Amino acid sequence: MALKRLTFEVGLDSGPSMIIFDARIAMANYLRDYFRSKIEGARNAGVDRTTAMQRASLDWGVAARESRMIRSIPVGLVQWASYAEFNAHLDWFIQPPTDTLGTFDRKAVVAMPGNVRLIRMGGLTFCGVCFEALPADVLEVRVWRGVTANYCTIISGRPDNDDRAEATEPVEPEGADA
């Protein structure tokens, strides 16, 4: 099954939320540039992408340990930015535009009555109307700034070449002696 995308317009409720959104976008853009430069530098040095991303992640972890400002950046945003740049060269990957925030949390999208959708991402709540049903197999949720409005894109499905088992909801273990 190929990846599918569902896009609809969303909005924020207040001026302070727009300031936070702008700041998060600036950080996401910085993170993507940071990870992209690490991958490019590694390629020029003959080092594989995985090693480059591991090293960049370790560097980020050390910086987070030493700086309260770096610790205030949501870990999910760092993970999403590294994922976006690590997979940018793959044919199946849907490239996120600049000025995009993303998450892998399926519960970030809440379906409300009247086709209203709430998207909760890092303390921000976006609201929009989507007339299509939400897919059950959400892979990624992105919110991005367009020219005249903000949009949410829900990416679902799996790449055609992905042969891993379907993800399921976690199940509690039966007991210690089971």
C-alpha atoms as a PDB file:
ATOM      1  CA  MET A   1       0.000   0.000   0.000  1.00  0.00           C
ATOM      2  CA  ALA A   2       1.374   3.432  -0.885  1.00  0.00           C
ATOM      3  CA  LEU A   3       1.362   6.492   1.307  1.00  0.00           C
ATOM      4  CA  LYS A   4      -1.717   8.703   1.127  1.00  0.00           C
ATOM      5  CA  ARG A   5      -2.163  12.280   2.207  1.00  0.00           C
ATOM      6  CA  LEU A   6      -5.151  14.219   3.427  1.00  0.00           C
ATOM      7  CA  THR A   7      -4.788  18.019   3.572  1.00  0.00           C
ATOM      8  CA  PHE A   8      -7.144  20.643   4.969  1.00  0.00           C
ATOM      9  CA  GLU A   9      -6.937  24.233   6.216  1.00  0.00           C
ATOM     10  CA  VAL A  10      -6.459  24.871   9.941  1.00  0.00           C
ATOM     11  CA  GLY A  11      -6.272  27.941  12.123  1.00  0.00           C
ATOM     12  CA  LEU A  12      -5.027  29.015  15.541  1.00  0.00           C
ATOM     13  CA  ASP A  13      -7.136  30.726  18.149  1.00  0.00           C
ATOM     14  CA  SER A  14      -4.981  33.610  19.372  1.00  0.00           C
ATOM     15  CA  GLY A  15      -2.092  35.975  18.758  1.00  0.00           C
ATOM     16  CA  PRO A  16       0.133  34.331  21.391  1.00  0.00           C
ATOM     17  CA  SER A  17      -0.453  30.959  19.710  1.00  0.00           C
ATOM     18  CA  MET A  18       0.718  32.444  16.391  1.00  0.00           C
ATOM     19  CA  ILE A  19       3.909  33.692  18.071  1.00  0.00           C
ATOM     20  CA  ILE A  20       4.557  30.215  19.496  1.00  0.00           C
ATOM     21  CA  PHE A  21       3.817  28.651  16.088  1.00  0.00           C
ATOM     22  CA  ASP A  22       6.247  31.034  14.369  1.00  0.00           C
ATOM     23  CA  ALA A  23       8.946  30.249  16.940  1.00  0.00           C
ATOM     24  CA  ARG A  24       8.431  26.496  16.544  1.00  0.00           C
ATOM     25  CA  ILE A  25       8.583  26.820  12.763  1.00  0.00           C
ATOM     26  CA  ALA A  26      11.852  28.738  13.033  1.00  0.00           C
ATOM     27  CA  MET A  27      13.245  25.985  15.264  1.00  0.00           C
ATOM     28  CA  ALA A  28      12.010  23.216  12.941  1.00  0.00           C
ATOM     29  CA  ASN A  29      13.651  24.958   9.980  1.00  0.00           C
ATOM     30  CA  TYR A  30      16.891  25.288  11.965  1.00  0.00           C
ATOM     31  CA  LEU A  31      16.786  21.616  12.984  1.00  0.00           C
ATOM     32  CA  ARG A  32      16.158  20.438   9.440  1.00  0.00           C
ATOM     33  CA  ASP A  33      19.060  22.583   8.183  1.00  0.00           C
ATOM     34  CA  TYR A  34      21.253  21.216  11.000  1.00  0.00           C
ATOM     35  CA  PHE A  35      20.497  17.569  10.194  1.00  0.00           C
ATOM     36  CA  ARG A  36      20.740  18.192   6.436  1.00  0.00           C
ATOM     37  CA  SER A  37      24.205  19.746   6.866  1.00  0.00           C
ATOM     38  CA  LYS A  38      25.349  16.785   8.992  1.00  0.00           C
ATOM     39  CA  ILE A  39      24.181  14.338   6.328  1.00  0.00           C
ATOM     40  CA  GLU A  40      25.854  16.341   3.540  1.00  0.00           C
ATOM     41  CA  GLY A  41      29.102  16.632   5.512  1.00  0.00           C
ATOM     42  CA  ALA A  42      29.124  12.908   6.188  1.00  0.00           C
ATOM     43  CA  ARG A  43      28.471  12.099   2.544  1.00  0.00           C
ATOM     44  CA  ASN A  44      31.369  14.320   1.481  1.00  0.00           C
ATOM     45  CA  ALA A  45      33.594  12.540   4.026  1.00  0.00           C
ATOM     46  CA  GLY A  46      32.469   9.076   2.896  1.00  0.00           C
ATOM     47  CA  VAL A  47      30.479   8.315   6.055  1.00  0.00           C
ATOM     48  CA  ASP A  48      27.061   6.668   5.857  1.00  0.00           C
ATOM     49  CA  ARG A  49      23.829   8.537   6.720  1.00  0.00           C
ATOM     50  CA  THR A  50      22.980   6.414   9.755  1.00  0.00           C
ATOM     51  CA  THR A  51      26.320   7.103  11.418  1.00  0.00           C
ATOM     52  CA  ALA A  52      25.969  10.802  10.653  1.00  0.00           C
ATOM     53  CA  MET A  53      22.508  10.935  12.230  1.00  0.00           C
ATOM     54  CA  GLN A  54      23.672   8.998  15.281  1.00  0.00           C
ATOM     55  CA  ARG A  55      26.534  11.430  15.777  1.00  0.00           C
ATOM     56  CA  ALA A  56      24.266  14.466  15.268  1.00  0.00           C
ATOM     57  CA  SER A  57      21.778  13.028  17.777  1.00  0.00           C
ATOM     58  CA  LEU A  58      24.526  12.473  20.339  1.00  0.00           C
ATOM     59  CA  ASP A  59      25.729  16.047  19.835  1.00  0.00           C
ATOM     60  CA  TRP A  60      22.168  17.289  20.312  1.00  0.00           C
ATOM     61  CA  GLY A  61      21.829  15.240  23.494  1.00  0.00           C
ATOM     62  CA  VAL A  62      25.016  16.728  24.945  1.00  0.00           C
ATOM     63  CA  ALA A  63      23.830  20.230  24.048  1.00  0.00           C
ATOM     64  CA  ALA A  64      20.470  19.512  25.729  1.00  0.00           C
ATOM     65  CA  ARG A  65      22.230  18.360  28.874  1.00  0.00           C
ATOM     66  CA  GLU A  66      24.226  21.570  28.992  1.00  0.00           C
ATOM     67  CA  SER A  67      21.570  24.112  27.958  1.00  0.00           C
ATOM     68  CA  ARG A  68      18.143  24.776  29.425  1.00  0.00           C
ATOM     69  CA  MET A  69      17.138  26.534  26.203  1.00  0.00           C
ATOM     70  CA  ILE A  70      17.888  23.415  24.121  1.00  0.00           C
ATOM     71  CA  ARG A  71      15.997  21.251  26.642  1.00  0.00           C
ATOM     72  CA  SER A  72      12.907  23.420  26.107  1.00  0.00           C
ATOM     73  CA  ILE A  73      12.644  22.265  22.477  1.00  0.00           C
ATOM     74  CA  PRO A  74      10.159  19.372  22.266  1.00  0.00           C
ATOM     75  CA  VAL A  75      11.933  16.066  21.673  1.00  0.00           C
ATOM     76  CA  GLY A  76       9.234  15.058  19.194  1.00  0.00           C
ATOM     77  CA  LEU A  77      10.094  18.051  17.017  1.00  0.00           C
ATOM     78  CA  VAL A  78      13.774  17.051  16.996  1.00  0.00           C
ATOM     79  CA  GLN A  79      12.860  13.468  16.114  1.00  0.00           C
ATOM     80  CA  TRP A  80      10.527  14.568  13.332  1.00  0.00           C
ATOM     81  CA  ALA A  81      13.103  16.973  11.827  1.00  0.00           C
ATOM     82  CA  SER A  82      15.774  14.272  11.796  1.00  0.00           C
ATOM     83  CA  TYR A  83      13.305  11.804  10.239  1.00  0.00           C
ATOM     84  CA  ALA A  84      12.353  14.308   7.532  1.00  0.00           C
ATOM     85  CA  GLU A  85      15.957  14.923   6.526  1.00  0.00           C
ATOM     86  CA  PHE A  86      17.120  11.325   6.898  1.00  0.00           C
ATOM     87  CA  ASN A  87      14.398  10.119   4.502  1.00  0.00           C
ATOM     88  CA  ALA A  88      14.511  13.084   2.101  1.00  0.00           C
ATOM     89  CA  HIS A  89      16.371  11.067  -0.554  1.00  0.00           C
ATOM     90  CA  LEU A  90      13.826   8.222  -0.679  1.00  0.00           C
ATOM     91  CA  ASP A  91      11.336   8.027  -3.542  1.00  0.00           C
ATOM     92  CA  TRP A  92       8.370   7.050  -1.346  1.00  0.00           C
ATOM     93  CA  PHE A  93       8.883   9.877   1.144  1.00  0.00           C
ATOM     94  CA  ILE A  94       6.514  12.848   0.824  1.00  0.00           C
ATOM     95  CA  GLN A  95       8.729  15.907   1.183  1.00  0.00           C
ATOM     96  CA  PRO A  96       7.512  18.411   3.789  1.00  0.00           C
ATOM     97  CA  PRO A  97       7.637  22.024   2.642  1.00  0.00           C
ATOM     98  CA  THR A  98       9.645  24.627   4.511  1.00  0.00           C
ATOM     99  CA  ASP A  99       7.829  26.055   7.553  1.00  0.00           C
ATOM    100  CA  THR A 100       6.416  22.689   8.618  1.00  0.00           C
ATOM    101  CA  LEU A 101       5.968  21.102  12.034  1.00  0.00           C
ATOM    102  CA  GLY A 102       5.391  17.379  12.320  1.00  0.00           C
ATOM    103  CA  THR A 103       4.654  14.612  14.772  1.00  0.00           C
ATOM    104  CA  PHE A 104       4.217  10.843  14.753  1.00  0.00           C
ATOM    105  CA  ASP A 105       1.538  10.923  17.439  1.00  0.00           C
ATOM    106  CA  ARG A 106      -1.660   9.390  16.034  1.00  0.00           C
ATOM    107  CA  LYS A 107      -3.609  10.975  18.856  1.00  0.00           C
ATOM    108  CA  ALA A 108      -2.597  14.464  17.718  1.00  0.00           C
ATOM    109  CA  VAL A 109      -5.726  14.559  15.538  1.00  0.00           C
ATOM    110  CA  VAL A 110      -9.048  14.601  17.377  1.00  0.00           C
ATOM    111  CA  ALA A 111     -12.285  14.158  15.431  1.00  0.00           C
ATOM    112  CA  MET A 112     -15.116  16.366  16.692  1.00  0.00           C
ATOM    113  CA  PRO A 113     -18.782  16.511  15.584  1.00  0.00           C
ATOM    114  CA  GLY A 114     -19.537  18.338  12.338  1.00  0.00           C
ATOM    115  CA  ASN A 115     -16.297  17.253  10.585  1.00  0.00           C
ATOM    116  CA  VAL A 116     -14.254  19.532  12.876  1.00  0.00           C
ATOM    117  CA  ARG A 117     -10.712  18.346  13.535  1.00  0.00           C
ATOM    118  CA  LEU A 118      -8.474  19.483  16.374  1.00  0.00           C
ATOM    119  CA  ILE A 119      -4.752  19.042  15.888  1.00  0.00           C
ATOM    120  CA  ARG A 120      -2.768  19.165  19.109  1.00  0.00           C
ATOM    121  CA  MET A 121       0.910  19.604  18.586  1.00  0.00           C
ATOM    122  CA  GLY A 122       3.398  20.714  21.221  1.00  0.00           C
ATOM    123  CA  GLY A 123       0.984  22.790  23.285  1.00  0.00           C
ATOM    124  CA  LEU A 124      -0.664  24.355  20.234  1.00  0.00           C
ATOM    125  CA  THR A 125      -4.201  23.484  19.194  1.00  0.00           C
ATOM    126  CA  PHE A 126      -5.153  23.980  15.554  1.00  0.00           C
ATOM    127  CA  CYS A 127      -8.742  23.716  14.380  1.00  0.00           C
ATOM    128  CA  GLY A 128     -10.043  22.919  10.912  1.00  0.00           C
ATOM    129  CA  VAL A 129     -12.832  21.256   8.955  1.00  0.00           C
ATOM    130  CA  CYS A 130     -12.133  18.051   7.049  1.00  0.00           C
ATOM    131  CA  PHE A 131     -14.975  16.358   5.176  1.00  0.00           C
ATOM    132  CA  GLU A 132     -13.077  13.100   4.649  1.00  0.00           C
ATOM    133  CA  ALA A 133     -12.871  10.384   7.289  1.00  0.00           C
ATOM    134  CA  LEU A 134      -9.646  10.190   9.229  1.00  0.00           C
ATOM    135  CA  PRO A 135      -7.503   7.236   8.186  1.00  0.00           C
ATOM    136  CA  ALA A 136      -6.929   4.490  10.755  1.00  0.00           C
ATOM    137  CA  ASP A 137      -3.272   4.009   9.845  1.00  0.00           C
ATOM    138  CA  VAL A 138      -1.863   7.500  10.507  1.00  0.00           C
ATOM    139  CA  LEU A 139       1.888   7.589   9.980  1.00  0.00           C
ATOM    140  CA  GLU A 140       2.581  11.289  10.420  1.00  0.00           C
ATOM    141  CA  VAL A 141       0.762  14.563  11.085  1.00  0.00           C
ATOM    142  CA  ARG A 142       2.148  17.816   9.689  1.00  0.00           C
ATOM    143  CA  VAL A 143       1.053  21.416  10.129  1.00  0.00           C
ATOM    144  CA  TRP A 144       2.553  23.906   7.710  1.00  0.00           C
ATOM    145  CA  ARG A 145       2.279  27.544   6.827  1.00  0.00           C
ATOM    146  CA  GLY A 146       1.061  28.295   3.337  1.00  0.00           C
ATOM    147  CA  VAL A 147       1.020  31.656   1.576  1.00  0.00           C
ATOM    148  CA  THR A 148      -2.413  32.689   2.838  1.00  0.00           C
ATOM    149  CA  ALA A 149      -3.308  30.106   5.506  1.00  0.00           C
ATOM    150  CA  ASN A 150      -2.060  27.224   7.666  1.00  0.00           C
ATOM    151  CA  TYR A 151      -2.711  23.641   6.628  1.00  0.00           C
ATOM    152  CA  CYS A 152      -2.675  20.192   8.176  1.00  0.00           C
ATOM    153  CA  THR A 153      -1.528  17.165   6.201  1.00  0.00           C
ATOM    154  CA  ILE A 154      -2.182  13.705   7.562  1.00  0.00           C
ATOM    155  CA  ILE A 155       0.005  11.039   5.976  1.00  0.00           C
ATOM    156  CA  SER A 156      -1.230   7.480   6.233  1.00  0.00           C
ATOM    157  CA  GLY A 157      -0.429   4.053   4.868  1.00  0.00           C
ATOM    158  CA  ARG A 158       2.957   2.473   4.430  1.00  0.00           C
ATOM    159  CA  PRO A 159       5.621   2.667   1.757  1.00  0.00           C
ATOM    160  CA  ASP A 160       5.257   0.035  -0.958  1.00  0.00           C
ATOM    161  CA  ASN A 161       8.543  -1.590   0.008  1.00  0.00           C
ATOM    162  CA  ASP A 162       7.786  -1.752   3.763  1.00  0.00           C
ATOM    163  CA  ASP A 163       7.457  -5.418   4.728  1.00  0.00           C
ATOM    164  CA  ARG A 164       7.378  -4.927   8.509  1.00  0.00           C
ATOM    165  CA  ALA A 165       4.397  -6.155  10.482  1.00  0.00           C
ATOM    166  CA  GLU A 166       1.503  -3.722  10.893  1.00  0.00           C
ATOM    167  CA  ALA A 167       1.725  -1.575  14.002  1.00  0.00           C
ATOM    168  CA  THR A 168      -0.842  -2.407  16.637  1.00  0.00           C
ATOM    169  CA  GLU A 169      -1.925  -0.834  19.876  1.00  0.00           C
ATOM    170  CA  PRO A 170       0.238  -1.999  22.814  1.00  0.00           C
ATOM    171  CA  VAL A 171      -1.222  -4.780  24.941  1.00  0.00           C
ATOM    172  CA  GLU A 172      -0.664  -5.024  28.674  1.00  0.00           C
ATOM    173  CA  PRO A 173       1.295  -8.129  29.766  1.00  0.00           C
ATOM    174  CA  GLU A 174      -0.814 -10.812  31.429  1.00  0.00           C
ATOM    175  CA  GLY A 175       1.218 -11.150  34.574  1.00  0.00           C
ATOM    176  CA  ALA A 176       4.581 -11.940  36.023  1.00  0.00           C
ATOM    177  CA  ASP A 177       4.027 -15.715  36.040  1.00  0.00           C
ATOM    178  CA  ALA A 178       2.337 -15.996  32.653  1.00  0.00           C
END
